[in-house]
């Protein structure tokens, strides 16, 4: 049994040595960062960088060729809502690695929502060295990008598109089947942004809504009135909660050593309580 263990250990040692040789051999394209340094260092050959840039350019041009009237409608709404040019929005969209979500949104029974964040994102400087510490060669820049809304922190502006049915989105129906809105959360103040969105945009729009589907004279309908009252009440509660968090609830550090040091026996603790 002992000899078997020795042989197994020897085999394991041999395999570990072979694996080590494979890892430490000449890299094909990159050198991964050492775990002991904690720095993200990547070295790419000039040929590899040129090939990656070429592939990225080809991908962008292929996506640009796919843009039709549906995409142009989204681009126009985004440009108006966020304050960018249509050219800037188009470039951001075709450069986004989640570009395929747009097609999934257009598809029959596709995604119900399509989200865009426009906010500060940590990006590499254009003149950053090939091998460097990301903390010294990166900066915050405004960026428009597609998101599912579950992986990135929301700190800026959210532009959203919502489908009203499961129909396929076409060039002729995109303006009727897709709703657009903007939710501003500048400086990460989500409660304030939500309060503004509901009170200044949604509630006025709902209260002026004439067509409530099958409900006739919707604004006179008791259920519609109850719904609008509930939304209005929620906005009021939201406003109070935001003010409490921002202004009225203040926690300060208290030094209790002075009080505790004078407590010598149980009766002192009872008196202090």
C-alpha atoms as a PDB file:
ATOM      1  CA  UNK A   1       0.000   0.000   0.000  1.00  0.00           C
ATOM      2  CA  UNK A   2       2.834   2.353   0.846  1.00  0.00           C
ATOM      3  CA  UNK A   3       4.488   1.739  -2.524  1.00  0.00           C
ATOM      4  CA  UNK A   4       1.176   2.466  -4.300  1.00  0.00           C
ATOM      5  CA  UNK A   5       0.919   5.777  -2.450  1.00  0.00           C
ATOM      6  CA  UNK A   6       4.451   6.658  -3.466  1.00  0.00           C
ATOM      7  CA  UNK A   7       3.718   5.897  -7.105  1.00  0.00           C
ATOM      8  CA  UNK A   8       0.522   7.925  -7.050  1.00  0.00           C
ATOM      9  CA  UNK A   9       2.370  10.808  -5.439  1.00  0.00           C
ATOM     10  CA  UNK A  10       5.067  10.543  -8.054  1.00  0.00           C
ATOM     11  CA  UNK A  11       2.513  10.562 -10.850  1.00  0.00           C
ATOM     12  CA  UNK A  12       0.811  13.586  -9.313  1.00  0.00           C
ATOM     13  CA  UNK A  13       4.148  15.357  -9.035  1.00  0.00           C
ATOM     14  CA  UNK A  14       4.924  14.583 -12.664  1.00  0.00           C
ATOM     15  CA  UNK A  15       1.528  15.874 -13.796  1.00  0.00           C
ATOM     16  CA  UNK A  16       1.978  19.023 -11.717  1.00  0.00           C
ATOM     17  CA  UNK A  17       5.390  19.601 -13.270  1.00  0.00           C
ATOM     18  CA  UNK A  18       3.987  19.114 -16.778  1.00  0.00           C
ATOM     19  CA  UNK A  19       1.131  21.530 -15.996  1.00  0.00           C
ATOM     20  CA  UNK A  20       3.597  24.066 -14.651  1.00  0.00           C
ATOM     21  CA  UNK A  21       5.651  23.817 -17.811  1.00  0.00           C
ATOM     22  CA  UNK A  22       2.541  24.371 -19.922  1.00  0.00           C
ATOM     23  CA  UNK A  23       1.545  27.461 -17.927  1.00  0.00           C
ATOM     24  CA  UNK A  24       4.994  29.019 -17.788  1.00  0.00           C
ATOM     25  CA  UNK A  25       5.807  28.353 -21.428  1.00  0.00           C
ATOM     26  CA  UNK A  26       5.824  31.169 -24.005  1.00  0.00           C
ATOM     27  CA  UNK A  27       2.374  32.830 -24.139  1.00  0.00           C
ATOM     28  CA  UNK A  28       0.519  32.961 -27.411  1.00  0.00           C
ATOM     29  CA  UNK A  29      -1.185  36.289 -26.908  1.00  0.00           C
ATOM     30  CA  UNK A  30      -1.258  37.422 -23.288  1.00  0.00           C
ATOM     31  CA  UNK A  31       0.307  37.254 -19.847  1.00  0.00           C
ATOM     32  CA  UNK A  32      -2.260  37.067 -17.074  1.00  0.00           C
ATOM     33  CA  UNK A  33      -1.694  39.068 -13.880  1.00  0.00           C
ATOM     34  CA  UNK A  34       0.083  37.392 -10.960  1.00  0.00           C
ATOM     35  CA  UNK A  35      -2.301  36.773  -8.068  1.00  0.00           C
ATOM     36  CA  UNK A  36       0.232  38.136  -5.581  1.00  0.00           C
ATOM     37  CA  UNK A  37       0.395  41.595  -7.134  1.00  0.00           C
ATOM     38  CA  UNK A  38      -3.315  42.377  -7.192  1.00  0.00           C
ATOM     39  CA  UNK A  39      -2.811  44.393 -10.397  1.00  0.00           C
ATOM     40  CA  UNK A  40      -4.518  43.783 -13.703  1.00  0.00           C
ATOM     41  CA  UNK A  41      -1.698  43.553 -16.209  1.00  0.00           C
ATOM     42  CA  UNK A  42      -2.233  42.365 -19.750  1.00  0.00           C
ATOM     43  CA  UNK A  43       0.378  42.149 -22.448  1.00  0.00           C
ATOM     44  CA  UNK A  44      -0.784  41.680 -26.028  1.00  0.00           C
ATOM     45  CA  UNK A  45       1.390  41.398 -29.073  1.00  0.00           C
ATOM     46  CA  UNK A  46       1.027  44.162 -31.659  1.00  0.00           C
ATOM     47  CA  UNK A  47      -0.328  41.631 -34.165  1.00  0.00           C
ATOM     48  CA  UNK A  48      -2.992  40.479 -31.703  1.00  0.00           C
ATOM     49  CA  UNK A  49      -4.041  44.041 -30.910  1.00  0.00           C
ATOM     50  CA  UNK A  50      -4.310  44.854 -34.593  1.00  0.00           C
ATOM     51  CA  UNK A  51      -6.399  41.734 -35.200  1.00  0.00           C
ATOM     52  CA  UNK A  52      -8.735  42.539 -32.302  1.00  0.00           C
ATOM     53  CA  UNK A  53      -9.166  46.100 -33.562  1.00  0.00           C
ATOM     54  CA  UNK A  54      -9.871  44.779 -37.045  1.00  0.00           C
ATOM     55  CA  UNK A  55     -12.489  42.327 -35.753  1.00  0.00           C
ATOM     56  CA  UNK A  56     -14.150  45.059 -33.673  1.00  0.00           C
ATOM     57  CA  UNK A  57     -14.330  47.342 -36.704  1.00  0.00           C
ATOM     58  CA  UNK A  58     -15.848  44.593 -38.848  1.00  0.00           C
ATOM     59  CA  UNK A  59     -18.435  43.823 -36.143  1.00  0.00           C
ATOM     60  CA  UNK A  60     -19.418  47.493 -35.860  1.00  0.00           C
ATOM     61  CA  UNK A  61     -19.845  47.857 -39.607  1.00  0.00           C
ATOM     62  CA  UNK A  62     -21.948  44.685 -39.771  1.00  0.00           C
ATOM     63  CA  UNK A  63     -24.194  46.045 -37.046  1.00  0.00           C
ATOM     64  CA  UNK A  64     -24.365  49.452 -38.717  1.00  0.00           C
ATOM     65  CA  UNK A  65     -25.616  47.717 -41.871  1.00  0.00           C
ATOM     66  CA  UNK A  66     -28.406  46.067 -39.815  1.00  0.00           C
ATOM     67  CA  UNK A  67     -29.800  49.371 -38.588  1.00  0.00           C
ATOM     68  CA  UNK A  68     -33.269  50.000 -40.027  1.00  0.00           C
ATOM     69  CA  UNK A  69     -36.184  52.303 -39.259  1.00  0.00           C
ATOM     70  CA  UNK A  70     -36.882  50.526 -35.974  1.00  0.00           C
ATOM     71  CA  UNK A  71     -33.353  51.176 -34.717  1.00  0.00           C
ATOM     72  CA  UNK A  72     -33.512  54.739 -35.989  1.00  0.00           C
ATOM     73  CA  UNK A  73     -36.688  55.296 -33.968  1.00  0.00           C
ATOM     74  CA  UNK A  74     -34.933  54.105 -30.788  1.00  0.00           C
ATOM     75  CA  UNK A  75     -31.861  56.183 -31.598  1.00  0.00           C
ATOM     76  CA  UNK A  76     -33.962  59.303 -32.136  1.00  0.00           C
ATOM     77  CA  UNK A  77     -35.806  58.875 -28.824  1.00  0.00           C
ATOM     78  CA  UNK A  78     -32.546  58.230 -26.942  1.00  0.00           C
ATOM     79  CA  UNK A  79     -30.869  61.276 -28.459  1.00  0.00           C
ATOM     80  CA  UNK A  80     -33.806  63.504 -27.475  1.00  0.00           C
ATOM     81  CA  UNK A  81     -34.204  62.037 -23.999  1.00  0.00           C
ATOM     82  CA  UNK A  82     -30.554  61.995 -22.956  1.00  0.00           C
ATOM     83  CA  UNK A  83     -29.250  64.991 -24.856  1.00  0.00           C
ATOM     84  CA  UNK A  84     -26.816  63.324 -27.268  1.00  0.00           C
ATOM     85  CA  UNK A  85     -26.586  63.490 -31.034  1.00  0.00           C
ATOM     86  CA  UNK A  86     -28.031  60.636 -33.059  1.00  0.00           C
ATOM     87  CA  UNK A  87     -24.534  59.859 -34.334  1.00  0.00           C
ATOM     88  CA  UNK A  88     -23.252  59.478 -30.774  1.00  0.00           C
ATOM     89  CA  UNK A  89     -26.132  57.179 -29.859  1.00  0.00           C
ATOM     90  CA  UNK A  90     -25.673  55.041 -32.969  1.00  0.00           C
ATOM     91  CA  UNK A  91     -21.952  54.639 -32.309  1.00  0.00           C
ATOM     92  CA  UNK A  92     -22.612  53.615 -28.701  1.00  0.00           C
ATOM     93  CA  UNK A  93     -25.211  51.046 -29.744  1.00  0.00           C
ATOM     94  CA  UNK A  94     -23.170  49.327 -32.460  1.00  0.00           C
ATOM     95  CA  UNK A  95     -20.166  49.201 -30.092  1.00  0.00           C
ATOM     96  CA  UNK A  96     -22.140  47.569 -27.276  1.00  0.00           C
ATOM     97  CA  UNK A  97     -21.563  43.896 -26.497  1.00  0.00           C
ATOM     98  CA  UNK A  98     -25.301  43.571 -25.671  1.00  0.00           C
ATOM     99  CA  UNK A  99     -26.391  44.743 -29.122  1.00  0.00           C
ATOM    100  CA  UNK A 100     -28.313  41.476 -29.653  1.00  0.00           C
ATOM    101  CA  UNK A 101     -30.791  42.507 -26.920  1.00  0.00           C
ATOM    102  CA  UNK A 102     -32.286  44.997 -29.373  1.00  0.00           C
ATOM    103  CA  UNK A 103     -33.201  42.194 -31.780  1.00  0.00           C
ATOM    104  CA  UNK A 104     -34.628  40.202 -28.884  1.00  0.00           C
ATOM    105  CA  UNK A 105     -36.757  43.224 -28.001  1.00  0.00           C
ATOM    106  CA  UNK A 106     -38.080  43.488 -31.579  1.00  0.00           C
ATOM    107  CA  UNK A 107     -38.875  39.763 -31.872  1.00  0.00           C
ATOM    108  CA  UNK A 108     -42.451  38.445 -31.432  1.00  0.00           C
ATOM    109  CA  UNK A 109     -43.074  37.716 -27.729  1.00  0.00           C
ATOM    110  CA  UNK A 110     -39.595  39.141 -27.144  1.00  0.00           C
ATOM    111  CA  UNK A 111     -38.122  41.095 -24.253  1.00  0.00           C
ATOM    112  CA  UNK A 112     -40.670  43.281 -22.499  1.00  0.00           C
ATOM    113  CA  UNK A 113     -38.184  46.055 -21.789  1.00  0.00           C
ATOM    114  CA  UNK A 114     -34.990  47.490 -23.223  1.00  0.00           C
ATOM    115  CA  UNK A 115     -32.855  49.542 -20.842  1.00  0.00           C
ATOM    116  CA  UNK A 116     -30.061  52.020 -21.464  1.00  0.00           C
ATOM    117  CA  UNK A 117     -27.904  53.592 -18.743  1.00  0.00           C
ATOM    118  CA  UNK A 118     -26.087  56.863 -19.367  1.00  0.00           C
ATOM    119  CA  UNK A 119     -23.649  57.469 -16.528  1.00  0.00           C
ATOM    120  CA  UNK A 120     -20.032  57.639 -15.422  1.00  0.00           C
ATOM    121  CA  UNK A 121     -18.123  54.444 -16.165  1.00  0.00           C
ATOM    122  CA  UNK A 122     -14.517  53.604 -15.351  1.00  0.00           C
ATOM    123  CA  UNK A 123     -12.641  53.437 -18.654  1.00  0.00           C
ATOM    124  CA  UNK A 124      -9.036  53.006 -19.710  1.00  0.00           C
ATOM    125  CA  UNK A 125      -7.188  56.100 -20.861  1.00  0.00           C
ATOM    126  CA  UNK A 126      -6.528  56.115 -24.564  1.00  0.00           C
ATOM    127  CA  UNK A 127      -2.812  56.608 -23.992  1.00  0.00           C
ATOM    128  CA  UNK A 128      -2.496  53.940 -21.308  1.00  0.00           C
ATOM    129  CA  UNK A 129       0.593  51.774 -21.498  1.00  0.00           C
ATOM    130  CA  UNK A 130       0.326  48.150 -22.587  1.00  0.00           C
ATOM    131  CA  UNK A 131       1.223  46.855 -19.156  1.00  0.00           C
ATOM    132  CA  UNK A 132       0.109  49.016 -16.284  1.00  0.00           C
ATOM    133  CA  UNK A 133      -1.940  49.296 -13.140  1.00  0.00           C
ATOM    134  CA  UNK A 134      -5.581  49.961 -14.043  1.00  0.00           C
ATOM    135  CA  UNK A 135      -5.970  52.229 -10.990  1.00  0.00           C
ATOM    136  CA  UNK A 136      -3.516  54.770 -12.438  1.00  0.00           C
ATOM    137  CA  UNK A 137      -4.594  54.547 -16.069  1.00  0.00           C
ATOM    138  CA  UNK A 138      -8.368  54.752 -15.853  1.00  0.00           C
ATOM    139  CA  UNK A 139     -10.862  57.547 -15.444  1.00  0.00           C
ATOM    140  CA  UNK A 140     -14.595  58.148 -15.162  1.00  0.00           C
ATOM    141  CA  UNK A 141     -16.332  59.022 -18.410  1.00  0.00           C
ATOM    142  CA  UNK A 142     -19.981  59.319 -19.385  1.00  0.00           C
ATOM    143  CA  UNK A 143     -21.070  56.294 -21.384  1.00  0.00           C
ATOM    144  CA  UNK A 144     -24.324  55.124 -22.933  1.00  0.00           C
ATOM    145  CA  UNK A 145     -24.748  51.360 -22.774  1.00  0.00           C
ATOM    146  CA  UNK A 146     -27.393  48.648 -22.967  1.00  0.00           C
ATOM    147  CA  UNK A 147     -28.111  46.805 -19.727  1.00  0.00           C
ATOM    148  CA  UNK A 148     -30.422  44.252 -18.195  1.00  0.00           C
ATOM    149  CA  UNK A 149     -30.562  46.462 -15.120  1.00  0.00           C
ATOM    150  CA  UNK A 150     -29.370  43.770 -12.712  1.00  0.00           C
ATOM    151  CA  UNK A 151     -25.564  43.862 -12.889  1.00  0.00           C
ATOM    152  CA  UNK A 152     -24.565  47.534 -12.965  1.00  0.00           C
ATOM    153  CA  UNK A 153     -25.207  50.069 -10.218  1.00  0.00           C
ATOM    154  CA  UNK A 154     -27.617  52.767 -11.366  1.00  0.00           C
ATOM    155  CA  UNK A 155     -26.075  56.193 -10.721  1.00  0.00           C
ATOM    156  CA  UNK A 156     -27.053  58.352 -13.706  1.00  0.00           C
ATOM    157  CA  UNK A 157     -29.866  58.356 -16.256  1.00  0.00           C
ATOM    158  CA  UNK A 158     -31.960  55.365 -17.328  1.00  0.00           C
ATOM    159  CA  UNK A 159     -33.736  55.479 -20.681  1.00  0.00           C
ATOM    160  CA  UNK A 160     -36.222  52.678 -21.179  1.00  0.00           C
ATOM    161  CA  UNK A 161     -38.415  51.220 -23.903  1.00  0.00           C
ATOM    162  CA  UNK A 162     -41.463  49.125 -22.977  1.00  0.00           C
ATOM    163  CA  UNK A 163     -43.533  46.911 -25.273  1.00  0.00           C
ATOM    164  CA  UNK A 164     -47.296  47.164 -25.151  1.00  0.00           C
ATOM    165  CA  UNK A 165     -47.975  43.776 -26.807  1.00  0.00           C
ATOM    166  CA  UNK A 166     -46.335  40.543 -27.965  1.00  0.00           C
ATOM    167  CA  UNK A 167     -46.470  41.563 -31.637  1.00  0.00           C
ATOM    168  CA  UNK A 168     -43.307  41.600 -33.699  1.00  0.00           C
ATOM    169  CA  UNK A 169     -41.942  45.150 -33.744  1.00  0.00           C
ATOM    170  CA  UNK A 170     -41.800  46.478 -37.289  1.00  0.00           C
ATOM    171  CA  UNK A 171     -40.893  49.781 -38.897  1.00  0.00           C
ATOM    172  CA  UNK A 172     -44.586  50.590 -39.287  1.00  0.00           C
ATOM    173  CA  UNK A 173     -45.725  49.831 -35.737  1.00  0.00           C
ATOM    174  CA  UNK A 174     -42.694  50.679 -33.583  1.00  0.00           C
ATOM    175  CA  UNK A 175     -44.074  54.108 -32.625  1.00  0.00           C
ATOM    176  CA  UNK A 176     -47.407  52.569 -31.536  1.00  0.00           C
ATOM    177  CA  UNK A 177     -46.153  49.378 -29.872  1.00  0.00           C
ATOM    178  CA  UNK A 178     -43.185  50.806 -27.968  1.00  0.00           C
ATOM    179  CA  UNK A 179     -43.303  53.353 -25.137  1.00  0.00           C
ATOM    180  CA  UNK A 180     -40.284  55.425 -24.172  1.00  0.00           C
ATOM    181  CA  UNK A 181     -39.324  57.088 -20.904  1.00  0.00           C
ATOM    182  CA  UNK A 182     -36.382  58.556 -19.008  1.00  0.00           C
ATOM    183  CA  UNK A 183     -35.652  58.081 -15.317  1.00  0.00           C
ATOM    184  CA  UNK A 184     -33.065  60.503 -13.923  1.00  0.00           C
ATOM    185  CA  UNK A 185     -31.015  59.331 -10.956  1.00  0.00           C
ATOM    186  CA  UNK A 186     -28.204  61.904 -11.015  1.00  0.00           C
ATOM    187  CA  UNK A 187     -25.617  61.382  -8.266  1.00  0.00           C
ATOM    188  CA  UNK A 188     -27.271  58.099  -7.327  1.00  0.00           C
ATOM    189  CA  UNK A 189     -30.340  59.664  -5.657  1.00  0.00           C
ATOM    190  CA  UNK A 190     -32.789  56.956  -6.686  1.00  0.00           C
ATOM    191  CA  UNK A 191     -35.600  57.996  -4.339  1.00  0.00           C
ATOM    192  CA  UNK A 192     -35.511  61.586  -5.564  1.00  0.00           C
ATOM    193  CA  UNK A 193     -35.422  60.443  -9.169  1.00  0.00           C
ATOM    194  CA  UNK A 194     -38.366  58.087  -8.661  1.00  0.00           C
ATOM    195  CA  UNK A 195     -40.351  60.771  -6.845  1.00  0.00           C
ATOM    196  CA  UNK A 196     -39.778  63.262  -9.677  1.00  0.00           C
ATOM    197  CA  UNK A 197     -40.618  60.682 -12.343  1.00  0.00           C
ATOM    198  CA  UNK A 198     -43.915  59.715 -10.716  1.00  0.00           C
ATOM    199  CA  UNK A 199     -45.047  63.171  -9.595  1.00  0.00           C
ATOM    200  CA  UNK A 200     -43.950  65.241 -12.590  1.00  0.00           C
ATOM    201  CA  UNK A 201     -44.356  62.769 -15.455  1.00  0.00           C
ATOM    202  CA  UNK A 202     -46.481  59.712 -14.712  1.00  0.00           C
ATOM    203  CA  UNK A 203     -49.236  61.233 -12.569  1.00  0.00           C
ATOM    204  CA  UNK A 204     -49.928  64.205 -14.875  1.00  0.00           C
ATOM    205  CA  UNK A 205     -49.960  61.824 -17.837  1.00  0.00           C
ATOM    206  CA  UNK A 206     -52.368  59.417 -16.107  1.00  0.00           C
ATOM    207  CA  UNK A 207     -54.677  62.200 -14.945  1.00  0.00           C
ATOM    208  CA  UNK A 208     -54.932  63.554 -18.477  1.00  0.00           C
ATOM    209  CA  UNK A 209     -55.420  60.112 -20.028  1.00  0.00           C
ATOM    210  CA  UNK A 210     -58.646  59.989 -22.004  1.00  0.00           C
ATOM    211  CA  UNK A 211     -58.516  56.430 -23.335  1.00  0.00           C
ATOM    212  CA  UNK A 212     -58.620  53.738 -20.625  1.00  0.00           C
ATOM    213  CA  UNK A 213     -59.364  50.830 -22.962  1.00  0.00           C
ATOM    214  CA  UNK A 214     -62.644  49.068 -22.213  1.00  0.00           C
ATOM    215  CA  UNK A 215     -63.370  51.441 -19.319  1.00  0.00           C
ATOM    216  CA  UNK A 216     -65.687  54.196 -20.469  1.00  0.00           C
ATOM    217  CA  UNK A 217     -65.096  57.696 -19.097  1.00  0.00           C
ATOM    218  CA  UNK A 218     -62.091  56.386 -17.213  1.00  0.00           C
ATOM    219  CA  UNK A 219     -61.443  59.457 -15.074  1.00  0.00           C
ATOM    220  CA  UNK A 220     -64.998  59.214 -13.700  1.00  0.00           C
ATOM    221  CA  UNK A 221     -64.691  55.491 -12.984  1.00  0.00           C
ATOM    222  CA  UNK A 222     -64.378  54.720  -9.260  1.00  0.00           C
ATOM    223  CA  UNK A 223     -61.674  52.074  -9.775  1.00  0.00           C
ATOM    224  CA  UNK A 224     -59.573  54.451 -11.880  1.00  0.00           C
ATOM    225  CA  UNK A 225     -60.022  57.146  -9.264  1.00  0.00           C
ATOM    226  CA  UNK A 226     -58.908  54.738  -6.515  1.00  0.00           C
ATOM    227  CA  UNK A 227     -55.861  53.806  -8.583  1.00  0.00           C
ATOM    228  CA  UNK A 228     -54.848  57.429  -9.131  1.00  0.00           C
ATOM    229  CA  UNK A 229     -55.394  58.147  -5.436  1.00  0.00           C
ATOM    230  CA  UNK A 230     -53.124  55.226  -4.507  1.00  0.00           C
ATOM    231  CA  UNK A 231     -50.371  56.444  -6.835  1.00  0.00           C
ATOM    232  CA  UNK A 232     -50.680  59.973  -5.448  1.00  0.00           C
ATOM    233  CA  UNK A 233     -50.520  58.653  -1.889  1.00  0.00           C
ATOM    234  CA  UNK A 234     -47.463  56.561  -2.720  1.00  0.00           C
ATOM    235  CA  UNK A 235     -45.690  59.635  -4.102  1.00  0.00           C
ATOM    236  CA  UNK A 236     -46.424  61.473  -0.863  1.00  0.00           C
ATOM    237  CA  UNK A 237     -45.065  58.589   1.218  1.00  0.00           C
ATOM    238  CA  UNK A 238     -42.006  58.415  -1.014  1.00  0.00           C
ATOM    239  CA  UNK A 239     -41.362  62.127  -0.560  1.00  0.00           C
ATOM    240  CA  UNK A 240     -41.660  61.880   3.238  1.00  0.00           C
ATOM    241  CA  UNK A 241     -39.329  58.889   3.359  1.00  0.00           C
ATOM    242  CA  UNK A 242     -36.736  60.658   1.214  1.00  0.00           C
ATOM    243  CA  UNK A 243     -36.828  63.767   3.404  1.00  0.00           C
ATOM    244  CA  UNK A 244     -36.475  61.671   6.548  1.00  0.00           C
ATOM    245  CA  UNK A 245     -33.436  59.906   5.154  1.00  0.00           C
ATOM    246  CA  UNK A 246     -31.795  63.054   3.813  1.00  0.00           C
ATOM    247  CA  UNK A 247     -32.546  65.626   6.499  1.00  0.00           C
ATOM    248  CA  UNK A 248     -34.261  64.534   9.675  1.00  0.00           C
ATOM    249  CA  UNK A 249     -32.541  61.315  10.702  1.00  0.00           C
ATOM    250  CA  UNK A 250     -29.013  62.060  11.841  1.00  0.00           C
ATOM    251  CA  UNK A 251     -26.886  59.566  13.728  1.00  0.00           C
ATOM    252  CA  UNK A 252     -24.067  61.014  15.807  1.00  0.00           C
ATOM    253  CA  UNK A 253     -21.338  59.229  17.690  1.00  0.00           C
ATOM    254  CA  UNK A 254     -21.673  59.425  21.478  1.00  0.00           C
ATOM    255  CA  UNK A 255     -18.818  58.774  23.875  1.00  0.00           C
ATOM    256  CA  UNK A 256     -20.309  56.704  26.715  1.00  0.00           C
ATOM    257  CA  UNK A 257     -17.025  56.008  28.522  1.00  0.00           C
ATOM    258  CA  UNK A 258     -17.617  58.981  30.834  1.00  0.00           C
ATOM    259  CA  UNK A 259     -20.957  57.588  31.938  1.00  0.00           C
ATOM    260  CA  UNK A 260     -19.910  53.952  32.205  1.00  0.00           C
ATOM    261  CA  UNK A 261     -16.767  54.686  34.239  1.00  0.00           C
ATOM    262  CA  UNK A 262     -18.890  56.135  37.066  1.00  0.00           C
ATOM    263  CA  UNK A 263     -21.023  52.997  37.399  1.00  0.00           C
ATOM    264  CA  UNK A 264     -19.678  50.955  40.291  1.00  0.00           C
ATOM    265  CA  UNK A 265     -22.522  48.740  41.544  1.00  0.00           C
ATOM    266  CA  UNK A 266     -25.910  47.363  40.391  1.00  0.00           C
ATOM    267  CA  UNK A 267     -27.832  50.269  41.878  1.00  0.00           C
ATOM    268  CA  UNK A 268     -25.816  52.696  39.752  1.00  0.00           C
ATOM    269  CA  UNK A 269     -26.824  50.805  36.616  1.00  0.00           C
ATOM    270  CA  UNK A 270     -30.474  50.824  37.678  1.00  0.00           C
ATOM    271  CA  UNK A 271     -30.354  54.577  38.303  1.00  0.00           C
ATOM    272  CA  UNK A 272     -28.650  55.193  34.965  1.00  0.00           C
ATOM    273  CA  UNK A 273     -31.289  53.152  33.168  1.00  0.00           C
END
